[in-house]
Amino acid sequence: MPSLRSSTREAHTISADALVLGLAATPSGVRVARDGLPQETAEHLTGAVDVLGLAAKPGEVARLVGVPGVTARSVVLTGLGTAPTDGTAD
């Protein structure tokens, strides 16, 4: 049976079936919630978003495998819609 756990460890170091990260649409493009991820991982995910043409629409989901710097078997990117412009998303 699937389980969901929270942790204070860095997300990219946790052994799991999937690491789920949000995507938000900003005026400068789609932003991956990648705080705390290694630079190589962040760049890989940003490139994947561009290649796949993801728009961060609510309900949009993409699953990536073999993401460098991530211990989880896959990374799931899920659209969250438009990021707030009042700075609360930072």
N, C-alpha and C. Protein backbone atom coordinates (compact mmCIF):
# COMPACT_ATOMS: atom_id res chain seq x y z
N MET A 1 0.85 -1.17 0.00
CA MET A 1 0.00 0.00 0.00
C MET A 1 0.90 1.24 0.00
N PRO A 2 0.58 2.24 -0.82
CA PRO A 2 1.37 3.47 -0.84
C PRO A 2 1.33 4.19 0.50
N SER A 3 2.40 4.89 0.78
CA SER A 3 2.42 5.70 1.99
C SER A 3 3.00 7.07 1.67
N LEU A 4 2.67 8.02 2.50
CA LEU A 4 3.14 9.39 2.34
C LEU A 4 3.81 9.79 3.64
N ARG A 5 5.04 10.31 3.52
CA ARG A 5 5.77 10.72 4.71
C ARG A 5 6.36 12.10 4.51
N SER A 6 6.53 12.82 5.58
CA SER A 6 7.23 14.09 5.52
C SER A 6 8.56 13.92 6.24
N SER A 7 9.51 14.77 5.89
CA SER A 7 10.84 14.66 6.47
C SER A 7 11.50 16.03 6.49
N THR A 8 12.46 16.18 7.38
CA THR A 8 13.24 17.41 7.41
C THR A 8 14.54 17.25 6.62
N ARG A 9 14.78 16.06 6.08
CA ARG A 9 15.98 15.83 5.26
C ARG A 9 15.83 16.53 3.92
N GLU A 10 16.96 16.77 3.26
CA GLU A 10 16.91 17.36 1.93
C GLU A 10 16.19 16.40 1.00
N ALA A 11 15.24 16.91 0.25
CA ALA A 11 14.35 16.07 -0.55
C ALA A 11 15.10 15.17 -1.53
N HIS A 12 16.16 15.69 -2.14
CA HIS A 12 16.85 14.91 -3.16
C HIS A 12 17.64 13.73 -2.59
N THR A 13 17.82 13.65 -1.27
CA THR A 13 18.59 12.58 -0.66
C THR A 13 17.73 11.44 -0.13
N ILE A 14 16.43 11.56 -0.22
CA ILE A 14 15.52 10.56 0.35
C ILE A 14 15.25 9.45 -0.65
N SER A 15 15.40 8.20 -0.20
CA SER A 15 15.06 7.05 -1.01
C SER A 15 13.54 6.92 -1.05
N ALA A 16 12.97 7.00 -2.23
CA ALA A 16 11.51 6.94 -2.37
C ALA A 16 11.18 6.52 -3.79
N ASP A 17 9.93 6.15 -4.00
CA ASP A 17 9.48 5.86 -5.36
C ASP A 17 9.42 7.13 -6.18
N ALA A 18 9.02 8.25 -5.56
CA ALA A 18 8.89 9.50 -6.31
C ALA A 18 9.12 10.70 -5.42
N LEU A 19 9.76 11.70 -5.99
CA LEU A 19 9.90 13.02 -5.38
C LEU A 19 8.95 13.92 -6.17
N VAL A 20 7.99 14.54 -5.50
CA VAL A 20 7.00 15.37 -6.17
C VAL A 20 7.37 16.84 -5.99
N LEU A 21 7.48 17.56 -7.12
CA LEU A 21 7.82 18.98 -7.11
C LEU A 21 6.76 19.75 -7.88
N GLY A 22 6.44 20.93 -7.40
CA GLY A 22 5.45 21.78 -8.05
C GLY A 22 6.05 22.63 -9.15
N LEU A 23 5.20 22.98 -10.12
CA LEU A 23 5.54 23.91 -11.19
C LEU A 23 4.60 25.10 -11.09
N ALA A 24 5.14 26.30 -11.19
CA ALA A 24 4.32 27.51 -11.14
C ALA A 24 4.62 28.38 -12.35
N ALA A 25 3.59 28.94 -12.93
CA ALA A 25 3.75 29.85 -14.07
C ALA A 25 4.07 31.25 -13.54
N THR A 26 5.12 31.86 -14.07
CA THR A 26 5.52 33.21 -13.68
C THR A 26 5.62 34.06 -14.96
N PRO A 27 5.71 35.37 -14.84
CA PRO A 27 5.86 36.20 -16.03
C PRO A 27 7.11 35.85 -16.85
N SER A 28 8.13 35.29 -16.19
CA SER A 28 9.36 34.94 -16.92
C SER A 28 9.40 33.49 -17.35
N GLY A 29 8.31 32.76 -17.18
CA GLY A 29 8.24 31.36 -17.60
C GLY A 29 7.85 30.45 -16.46
N VAL A 30 7.93 29.16 -16.72
CA VAL A 30 7.56 28.15 -15.72
C VAL A 30 8.71 27.98 -14.74
N ARG A 31 8.38 27.98 -13.46
CA ARG A 31 9.38 27.84 -12.40
C ARG A 31 9.16 26.52 -11.67
N VAL A 32 10.24 25.76 -11.50
CA VAL A 32 10.21 24.52 -10.74
C VAL A 32 10.49 24.84 -9.27
N ALA A 33 9.71 24.27 -8.37
CA ALA A 33 9.98 24.43 -6.93
C ALA A 33 11.21 23.59 -6.62
N ARG A 34 12.37 24.20 -6.70
CA ARG A 34 13.62 23.46 -6.64
C ARG A 34 14.55 23.92 -5.54
N ASP A 35 14.04 24.66 -4.58
CA ASP A 35 14.88 25.14 -3.48
C ASP A 35 15.54 23.96 -2.77
N GLY A 36 16.83 24.07 -2.54
CA GLY A 36 17.57 23.04 -1.85
C GLY A 36 18.10 21.93 -2.72
N LEU A 37 17.74 21.92 -4.00
CA LEU A 37 18.24 20.89 -4.90
C LEU A 37 19.62 21.27 -5.41
N PRO A 38 20.47 20.28 -5.70
CA PRO A 38 21.77 20.59 -6.29
C PRO A 38 21.60 21.34 -7.62
N GLN A 39 22.57 22.17 -7.96
CA GLN A 39 22.52 22.97 -9.18
C GLN A 39 22.29 22.10 -10.42
N GLU A 40 23.02 20.98 -10.51
CA GLU A 40 22.88 20.08 -11.67
C GLU A 40 21.45 19.55 -11.79
N THR A 41 20.85 19.23 -10.67
CA THR A 41 19.48 18.73 -10.65
C THR A 41 18.51 19.82 -11.10
N ALA A 42 18.67 21.01 -10.55
CA ALA A 42 17.80 22.14 -10.90
C ALA A 42 17.88 22.45 -12.39
N GLU A 43 19.08 22.46 -12.94
CA GLU A 43 19.26 22.73 -14.37
C GLU A 43 18.62 21.63 -15.21
N HIS A 44 18.77 20.39 -14.79
CA HIS A 44 18.17 19.27 -15.53
C HIS A 44 16.65 19.40 -15.55
N LEU A 45 16.06 19.72 -14.40
CA LEU A 45 14.60 19.84 -14.33
C LEU A 45 14.10 21.03 -15.14
N THR A 46 14.80 22.14 -15.09
CA THR A 46 14.41 23.31 -15.89
C THR A 46 14.46 22.98 -17.37
N GLY A 47 15.50 22.27 -17.79
CA GLY A 47 15.60 21.86 -19.19
C GLY A 47 14.49 20.91 -19.59
N ALA A 48 14.14 19.98 -18.70
CA ALA A 48 13.06 19.03 -18.99
C ALA A 48 11.73 19.75 -19.15
N VAL A 49 11.49 20.75 -18.31
CA VAL A 49 10.25 21.54 -18.42
C VAL A 49 10.17 22.19 -19.79
N ASP A 50 11.28 22.75 -20.25
CA ASP A 50 11.31 23.40 -21.57
C ASP A 50 11.10 22.39 -22.69
N VAL A 51 11.83 21.27 -22.65
CA VAL A 51 11.74 20.26 -23.70
C VAL A 51 10.33 19.67 -23.79
N LEU A 52 9.72 19.42 -22.65
CA LEU A 52 8.38 18.83 -22.61
C LEU A 52 7.27 19.84 -22.85
N GLY A 53 7.63 21.13 -22.83
CA GLY A 53 6.62 22.16 -23.05
C GLY A 53 5.61 22.27 -21.93
N LEU A 54 6.04 22.02 -20.71
CA LEU A 54 5.12 22.09 -19.58
C LEU A 54 4.74 23.54 -19.30
N ALA A 55 3.47 23.75 -18.93
CA ALA A 55 2.95 25.11 -18.74
C ALA A 55 2.53 25.41 -17.31
N ALA A 56 2.68 24.44 -16.40
CA ALA A 56 2.31 24.60 -14.99
C ALA A 56 0.80 24.72 -14.79
N LYS A 57 0.02 24.23 -15.73
CA LYS A 57 -1.43 24.26 -15.58
C LYS A 57 -1.85 23.31 -14.46
N PRO A 58 -2.80 23.71 -13.64
CA PRO A 58 -3.28 22.80 -12.60
C PRO A 58 -3.71 21.46 -13.21
N GLY A 59 -3.24 20.38 -12.62
CA GLY A 59 -3.57 19.06 -13.12
C GLY A 59 -2.55 18.50 -14.09
N GLU A 60 -1.66 19.33 -14.60
CA GLU A 60 -0.61 18.87 -15.50
C GLU A 60 0.42 18.07 -14.70
N VAL A 61 0.80 16.90 -15.21
CA VAL A 61 1.75 16.04 -14.50
C VAL A 61 2.72 15.43 -15.50
N ALA A 62 4.00 15.40 -15.12
CA ALA A 62 5.03 14.72 -15.92
C ALA A 62 5.91 13.95 -14.96
N ARG A 63 6.26 12.73 -15.35
CA ARG A 63 7.14 11.89 -14.52
C ARG A 63 8.46 11.72 -15.25
N LEU A 64 9.56 11.99 -14.53
CA LEU A 64 10.90 11.88 -15.07
C LEU A 64 11.67 10.83 -14.30
N VAL A 65 12.46 10.02 -15.01
CA VAL A 65 13.32 9.04 -14.36
C VAL A 65 14.77 9.38 -14.68
N GLY A 66 15.66 8.90 -13.84
CA GLY A 66 17.08 9.13 -14.07
C GLY A 66 17.50 10.57 -13.89
N VAL A 67 16.87 11.27 -12.97
CA VAL A 67 17.22 12.68 -12.73
C VAL A 67 18.52 12.73 -11.92
N PRO A 68 19.54 13.42 -12.43
CA PRO A 68 20.82 13.46 -11.73
C PRO A 68 20.70 14.15 -10.36
N GLY A 69 21.37 13.56 -9.37
CA GLY A 69 21.38 14.16 -8.04
C GLY A 69 20.19 13.83 -7.17
N VAL A 70 19.27 13.00 -7.68
CA VAL A 70 18.07 12.64 -6.93
C VAL A 70 18.11 11.14 -6.62
N THR A 71 17.92 10.80 -5.36
CA THR A 71 17.93 9.40 -4.94
C THR A 71 16.62 8.70 -5.30
N ALA A 72 15.52 9.41 -5.30
CA ALA A 72 14.21 8.81 -5.62
C ALA A 72 14.25 8.21 -7.02
N ARG A 73 13.44 7.18 -7.24
CA ARG A 73 13.40 6.50 -8.54
C ARG A 73 12.89 7.40 -9.65
N SER A 74 12.03 8.36 -9.30
CA SER A 74 11.51 9.27 -10.31
C SER A 74 11.19 10.62 -9.67
N VAL A 75 11.04 11.61 -10.52
CA VAL A 75 10.60 12.94 -10.09
C VAL A 75 9.28 13.21 -10.80
N VAL A 76 8.28 13.61 -10.05
CA VAL A 76 6.97 13.94 -10.61
C VAL A 76 6.83 15.46 -10.53
N LEU A 77 6.64 16.07 -11.69
CA LEU A 77 6.41 17.52 -11.76
C LEU A 77 4.91 17.74 -11.93
N THR A 78 4.33 18.56 -11.08
CA THR A 78 2.89 18.79 -11.15
C THR A 78 2.58 20.28 -11.21
N GLY A 79 1.71 20.66 -12.12
CA GLY A 79 1.34 22.05 -12.32
C GLY A 79 0.50 22.59 -11.19
N LEU A 80 0.86 23.79 -10.73
CA LEU A 80 0.14 24.46 -9.65
C LEU A 80 -0.56 25.73 -10.10
N GLY A 81 -0.42 26.08 -11.38
CA GLY A 81 -1.05 27.29 -11.87
C GLY A 81 -0.11 28.49 -11.77
N THR A 82 -0.70 29.67 -11.76
CA THR A 82 0.06 30.91 -11.75
C THR A 82 0.57 31.22 -10.34
N ALA A 83 1.85 31.58 -10.27
CA ALA A 83 2.46 31.95 -8.98
C ALA A 83 1.91 33.29 -8.53
N PRO A 84 1.72 33.47 -7.23
CA PRO A 84 1.28 34.77 -6.73
C PRO A 84 2.30 35.85 -7.08
N THR A 85 1.83 37.04 -7.35
CA THR A 85 2.74 38.15 -7.69
C THR A 85 3.05 39.04 -6.50
N ASP A 86 2.53 38.67 -5.33
CA ASP A 86 2.77 39.49 -4.13
C ASP A 86 3.99 39.05 -3.34
N GLY A 87 4.78 38.12 -3.90
CA GLY A 87 5.99 37.67 -3.24
C GLY A 87 5.81 36.53 -2.27
N THR A 88 4.60 36.03 -2.10
CA THR A 88 4.37 34.96 -1.12
C THR A 88 4.90 33.62 -1.61
N ALA A 89 5.23 33.48 -2.88
CA ALA A 89 5.73 32.21 -3.39
C ALA A 89 7.24 32.07 -3.21
N ASP A 90 7.91 33.12 -2.80
CA ASP A 90 9.37 33.05 -2.66
C ASP A 90 9.78 32.35 -1.40
